Protein backbone atom coordinates (compact mmCIF):
# COMPACT_ATOMS: atom_id res chain seq x y z
CA MET A 1 128.25 72.15 58.49
CA VAL A 2 131.27 74.42 57.97
CA PRO A 3 134.68 73.18 56.66
CA ALA A 4 137.16 73.30 59.54
CA GLY A 5 139.25 70.13 59.29
CA SER A 6 141.98 68.68 57.10
CA GLY A 7 139.65 66.71 54.83
CA ASN A 8 136.16 68.27 54.80
CA GLY A 9 134.70 65.44 52.73
CA MET A 10 131.10 65.91 53.84
CA ILE A 11 130.83 69.60 53.03
CA LYS A 12 132.68 69.04 49.73
CA SER A 13 130.08 66.40 48.84
CA LEU A 14 127.29 68.89 49.54
CA LEU A 15 128.74 71.90 47.72
CA ASP A 16 130.51 70.37 44.71
CA PRO A 17 127.37 69.22 42.81
CA VAL A 18 126.10 72.81 42.64
CA GLY A 19 129.47 74.31 41.71
CA MET A 20 130.06 76.05 45.03
CA SER A 21 133.56 76.26 46.48
CA CYS A 22 134.40 74.28 49.60
CA SER A 23 134.67 77.27 51.92
CA ALA A 24 133.20 78.59 55.13
CA ALA A 25 131.40 81.31 53.19
CA SER A 26 129.68 78.82 50.86
CA ALA A 27 128.71 76.61 53.77
CA THR A 28 127.26 79.58 55.65
CA VAL A 29 125.19 80.58 52.62
CA SER A 30 123.83 77.03 52.41
CA ILE A 31 122.79 77.11 56.06
CA ILE A 32 121.07 80.47 55.61
CA ARG A 33 119.11 79.17 52.61
CA GLY A 34 117.71 76.50 54.90
CA HIS A 35 117.36 73.65 52.39
CA ARG A 36 117.64 70.19 53.92
CA ARG A 37 118.48 66.74 52.70
CA SER A 38 118.47 63.27 54.27
CA LEU A 39 121.65 61.36 55.05
CA ASP A 40 122.21 57.66 55.71
CA VAL A 41 123.80 56.74 59.04
CA ALA A 42 125.98 53.64 59.46
CA THR A 43 126.02 51.83 62.80
CA ILE A 44 129.36 50.15 63.54
CA SER A 45 128.95 47.47 66.22
CA GLN A 46 131.30 45.34 68.27
CA GLY A 47 129.52 43.55 71.08
CA THR A 48 127.57 46.20 72.99
CA THR A 49 129.83 49.03 71.75
CA LYS A 50 128.49 51.18 68.92
CA PHE A 51 129.80 54.04 66.79
CA PHE A 52 127.61 56.02 64.41
CA SER A 53 129.32 57.03 61.17
CA VAL A 54 128.19 59.45 58.46
CA LEU A 55 131.31 59.69 56.29
CA MET A 56 133.52 56.63 55.94
CA LEU A 57 135.33 53.66 57.45
CA ALA A 58 138.83 52.63 56.40
CA TRP A 59 141.28 49.82 57.12
CA GLY A 60 144.65 49.29 55.48
CA LEU A 61 146.35 51.88 53.31
CA VAL A 62 143.73 54.64 53.62
CA ALA A 63 143.44 54.31 57.40
CA ASP A 64 147.22 54.24 57.82
CA ILE A 65 147.58 57.42 55.78
CA ASP A 66 144.67 59.17 57.50
CA ILE A 67 145.80 58.48 61.07
CA GLU A 68 149.58 58.16 60.86
CA SER A 69 149.88 61.40 58.85
CA GLU A 70 148.71 63.29 61.93
CA LYS A 71 152.39 63.83 62.72
CA PHE A 72 152.35 66.19 59.70
CA ARG A 73 149.11 67.99 60.60
CA TRP A 74 150.90 71.34 60.32
CA MET A 75 150.95 70.74 56.53
CA GLY A 76 147.16 70.85 56.26
CA SER A 77 145.58 68.58 53.64
CA ALA A 78 148.98 68.17 51.91
CA ARG A 79 149.90 65.76 54.70
CA PHE A 80 147.80 63.06 53.03
CA ASP A 81 149.76 63.30 49.77
CA VAL A 82 153.18 63.41 51.43
CA TYR A 83 152.59 60.52 53.80
CA GLY A 84 150.61 58.62 51.16
CA LEU A 85 153.71 58.52 48.97
CA GLN A 86 155.75 57.17 51.86
CA ARG A 87 153.20 54.45 52.59
CA ILE A 88 153.08 53.35 48.94
CA ILE A 89 156.87 53.07 48.75
CA CYS A 90 156.82 50.96 51.93
CA LEU A 91 153.56 49.22 51.11
CA ARG A 92 151.77 47.11 53.70
CA GLN A 93 149.29 44.30 53.12
CA TYR A 94 146.98 42.84 55.71
CA ASN A 95 145.45 39.41 56.17
CA GLY A 96 141.75 39.30 56.93
CA ARG A 97 138.29 38.84 55.48
CA ILE A 98 135.35 41.03 54.58
CA LEU A 99 131.72 39.94 54.30
CA PHE A 100 128.98 42.00 52.71
CA VAL A 101 125.41 42.03 51.48
CA PRO A 102 125.63 43.40 47.93
CA ALA A 103 123.18 45.85 46.44
CA PRO A 104 121.21 44.78 43.35
CA GLY A 105 123.64 44.56 40.44
CA SER A 106 126.66 43.63 42.58
CA GLU A 107 125.67 40.06 43.44
CA SER A 108 128.55 38.58 41.45
CA CYS A 109 131.23 40.24 43.57
CA GLY A 110 133.18 37.95 45.87
CA GLN A 111 132.17 34.41 46.81
CA PRO A 112 129.24 33.05 48.84
CA ALA A 113 130.05 33.41 52.53
CA SER A 114 131.53 30.27 54.06
CA ASP A 115 129.65 30.72 57.34
CA ASN A 116 126.60 32.49 58.71
CA VAL A 117 126.64 36.04 60.01
CA GLU A 118 124.89 36.61 63.32
CA LYS A 119 123.95 39.96 64.79
CA GLU A 120 126.28 41.35 67.45
CA SER A 121 125.01 41.27 71.01
CA SER A 122 122.72 44.24 71.56
CA VAL A 123 122.42 46.52 74.53
CA SER A 124 119.47 46.34 76.87
CA ASP A 125 116.10 47.51 75.58
CA LYS A 126 116.10 49.92 78.53
CA THR A 127 119.16 51.77 77.21
CA PRO A 128 118.03 55.26 76.12
CA GLY A 129 118.74 56.68 72.69
CA TYR A 130 119.08 55.31 69.19
CA GLN A 131 120.80 51.91 69.00
CA GLY A 132 121.00 51.38 65.24
CA PRO A 133 118.71 49.65 62.74
CA ASP A 134 117.02 46.39 63.71
CA THR A 135 118.33 44.32 60.81
CA ASN A 136 117.95 40.54 60.63
CA LEU A 137 121.45 39.74 59.40
CA GLU A 138 120.98 35.98 59.46
CA ASP A 139 118.45 36.04 56.60
CA LEU A 140 120.55 38.13 54.20
CA GLU A 141 122.57 36.80 51.25
CA TRP A 142 126.14 37.31 52.41
CA ARG A 143 129.24 37.16 50.22
CA GLU A 144 132.90 37.35 51.16
CA ILE A 145 136.35 38.38 49.93
CA LYS A 146 139.45 37.02 51.63
CA GLY A 147 142.78 38.84 51.94
CA PRO A 148 145.46 39.83 51.84
CA PHE A 149 144.28 43.42 51.33
CA VAL A 150 146.03 46.66 50.52
CA SER A 151 142.98 48.74 51.45
CA VAL A 152 139.33 48.42 52.42
CA TRP A 153 137.31 51.63 52.27
CA LEU A 154 133.59 52.18 52.94
CA HIS A 155 132.03 55.49 51.94
CA ASN A 156 128.67 57.10 52.62
CA VAL A 157 129.17 60.21 50.44
CA PRO A 158 131.21 60.84 47.27
CA TRP A 159 134.09 62.93 48.62
CA GLY A 160 136.51 61.76 51.29
CA ALA A 161 138.41 65.05 51.30
CA GLU A 162 138.40 68.26 49.27
CA ASN A 163 140.65 66.62 46.62
CA THR A 164 139.53 62.99 46.98
CA LEU A 165 136.48 61.75 45.07
CA ALA A 166 136.62 58.40 46.79
CA ALA A 167 133.22 56.99 45.83
CA PRO A 168 131.87 58.76 42.72
CA ASN A 169 128.59 56.81 42.73
CA ALA A 170 127.77 57.34 46.41
CA LYS A 171 124.41 58.91 47.30
CA PHE A 172 123.42 60.68 50.50
CA SER A 173 120.36 58.59 51.26
CA ASP A 174 120.19 55.50 49.04
CA GLY A 175 120.43 53.08 51.96
CA PHE A 176 123.79 51.68 50.81
CA LEU A 177 127.48 52.19 51.49
CA ASP A 178 130.01 52.29 48.65
CA LEU A 179 132.78 49.72 49.13
CA ILE A 180 136.20 50.23 47.54
CA VAL A 181 138.54 47.23 47.89
CA MET A 182 142.12 46.92 46.74
CA LYS A 183 144.06 43.67 46.97
CA ASP A 184 147.16 42.92 44.89
CA CYS A 185 148.42 46.08 43.21
CA PRO A 186 151.93 46.90 41.94
CA LYS A 187 153.42 50.02 43.49
CA LEU A 188 153.65 51.90 40.19
CA ALA A 189 150.00 51.16 39.44
CA LEU A 190 149.10 52.26 42.96
CA LEU A 191 150.93 55.55 42.48
CA SER A 192 148.94 56.09 39.29
CA LEU A 193 145.71 55.30 41.14
CA MET A 194 146.47 57.90 43.78
CA THR A 195 146.65 60.59 41.09
CA LYS A 196 143.17 59.58 39.91
CA LEU A 197 141.50 60.07 43.28
CA SER A 198 140.75 63.68 42.43
CA ASP A 199 138.30 62.75 39.65
CA GLY A 200 137.09 59.34 40.86
CA THR A 201 138.51 57.37 37.93
CA HIS A 202 140.52 55.15 40.30
CA VAL A 203 137.42 52.95 40.68
CA GLN A 204 137.74 51.95 37.01
CA SER A 205 141.10 50.25 37.65
CA PRO A 206 141.30 46.44 37.35
CA TYR A 207 143.02 46.50 40.73
CA VAL A 208 139.96 48.02 42.42
CA SER A 209 136.64 46.38 43.27
CA TYR A 210 133.87 48.96 43.61
CA LEU A 211 130.34 48.08 44.67
CA LYS A 212 127.44 49.08 46.89
CA VAL A 213 126.58 47.11 50.03
CA LYS A 214 123.68 47.07 52.49
CA ALA A 215 125.56 45.49 55.39
CA PHE A 216 129.23 44.74 56.01
CA VAL A 217 131.51 42.78 58.33
CA LEU A 218 135.23 43.44 58.73
CA GLU A 219 137.52 40.77 60.16
CA PRO A 220 140.93 42.48 60.25
CA GLY A 221 144.20 40.59 60.54
CA ALA A 222 147.92 41.18 60.86
CA ARG A 223 150.38 42.40 58.26
CA ILE A 224 151.48 39.64 55.92
CA ASP A 225 155.19 40.44 56.27
CA GLU A 226 155.22 41.13 60.03
CA GLU A 227 152.64 38.95 61.71
CA ASP A 228 153.24 40.49 65.11
CA LYS A 229 152.01 43.86 63.78
CA GLU A 230 148.40 44.80 63.10
CA GLY A 231 146.66 47.83 61.63
CA ILE A 232 144.32 50.69 62.41
CA ILE A 233 140.56 50.95 61.84
CA ASP A 234 139.45 54.50 61.18
CA SER A 235 135.96 55.99 60.91
CA ASP A 236 135.16 59.62 60.10
CA GLY A 237 138.76 60.57 60.86
CA GLU A 238 138.73 58.99 64.32
CA VAL A 239 140.53 55.84 65.43
CA LEU A 240 138.07 53.05 66.20
CA ALA A 241 140.69 50.38 66.91
CA ARG A 242 144.46 50.06 67.12
CA GLY A 243 146.08 46.66 66.58
CA ARG A 244 149.29 45.33 68.10
CA LYS A 245 152.36 47.49 67.41
CA SER A 246 150.34 49.91 65.30
CA TYR A 247 150.74 53.71 65.43
CA LYS A 248 150.18 54.92 69.02
CA CYS A 249 148.93 51.45 69.96
CA ASP A 250 149.30 52.30 73.65
CA GLU A 251 146.47 54.83 73.38
CA LYS A 252 142.98 53.65 74.30
CA ALA A 253 140.51 53.17 71.43
CA LEU A 254 136.74 52.75 71.44
CA MET A 255 136.86 49.20 70.06
CA SER A 256 139.31 46.33 69.91
CA TYR A 257 141.10 45.34 66.71
CA GLY A 258 138.71 42.58 65.74
CA LYS A 259 135.44 41.77 64.02
CA LEU A 260 133.10 44.71 63.32
CA GLN A 261 129.57 44.73 61.90
CA ILE A 262 128.16 47.66 59.95
CA THR A 263 124.52 48.26 59.05
CA VAL A 264 122.85 51.24 57.39
CA ASP A 265 119.80 53.23 58.43
CA GLN A 266 118.49 55.03 55.34
CA GLY A 267 117.96 58.78 55.62
CA LEU A 268 118.22 58.87 59.41
CA ALA A 269 120.11 62.18 59.67
CA THR A 270 119.35 65.60 58.16
CA LEU A 271 121.83 68.12 56.75
CA PHE A 272 121.57 71.70 55.61
CA SER A 273 122.13 71.66 51.84
CA PRO A 274 122.61 74.30 49.10
CA GLU A 275 119.65 72.81 47.24
């Protein structure tokens, strides 16, 4: 994997622990060395539609910044900072609900789920290729957090971009996703949090809930101040779903702006690694 995008979170996560710069040269050296490491793969499901994610999923503030800042792509990675400031000044909050199966040690987060979670309809057994882990969701201990939300962010690896240590405790193949949730947060506190993304200390804020989850369900809603407008769901830098009157909502997306289920297959993928 060679850094060639605006964020480059995956290659940063591979190179940073060994003190190597996030550059094409460092990535090439890592490939030549030939070391490998396992990587979890998340399966995002909506009905029979699936998307396989290795980096992150975002809804709310982070997704809005990631996707809507594309109009400033000529700025490179600085576009995230510039548009992020604009989005904080004109802060949006979204109604909705998240459900999750917490990892050991995070069982106290949220409240017991108010209803059962059933597995999304699967594709035919005759469909070729990998279809995601066969997880019995009904038997898991689900918990929930209700909105409104400023941001919901799921991460598979520590770095979301070269200057964003989104999930400092994330591991490549621990079988869990790191969940970062932000609900009520004053704008000044949010500005301060944004400056802490570079070293991961934002997760220590009282305005942030940070935990590991084995499975996850997102039920996105509309903005609290403009109920006719909805948001964007973003995974690995690509738009999964565009809600009503969202940015470029007339463009076709893979999924609809509605309930999504996410499960994790531990160590499914393999990456070249510097060690």
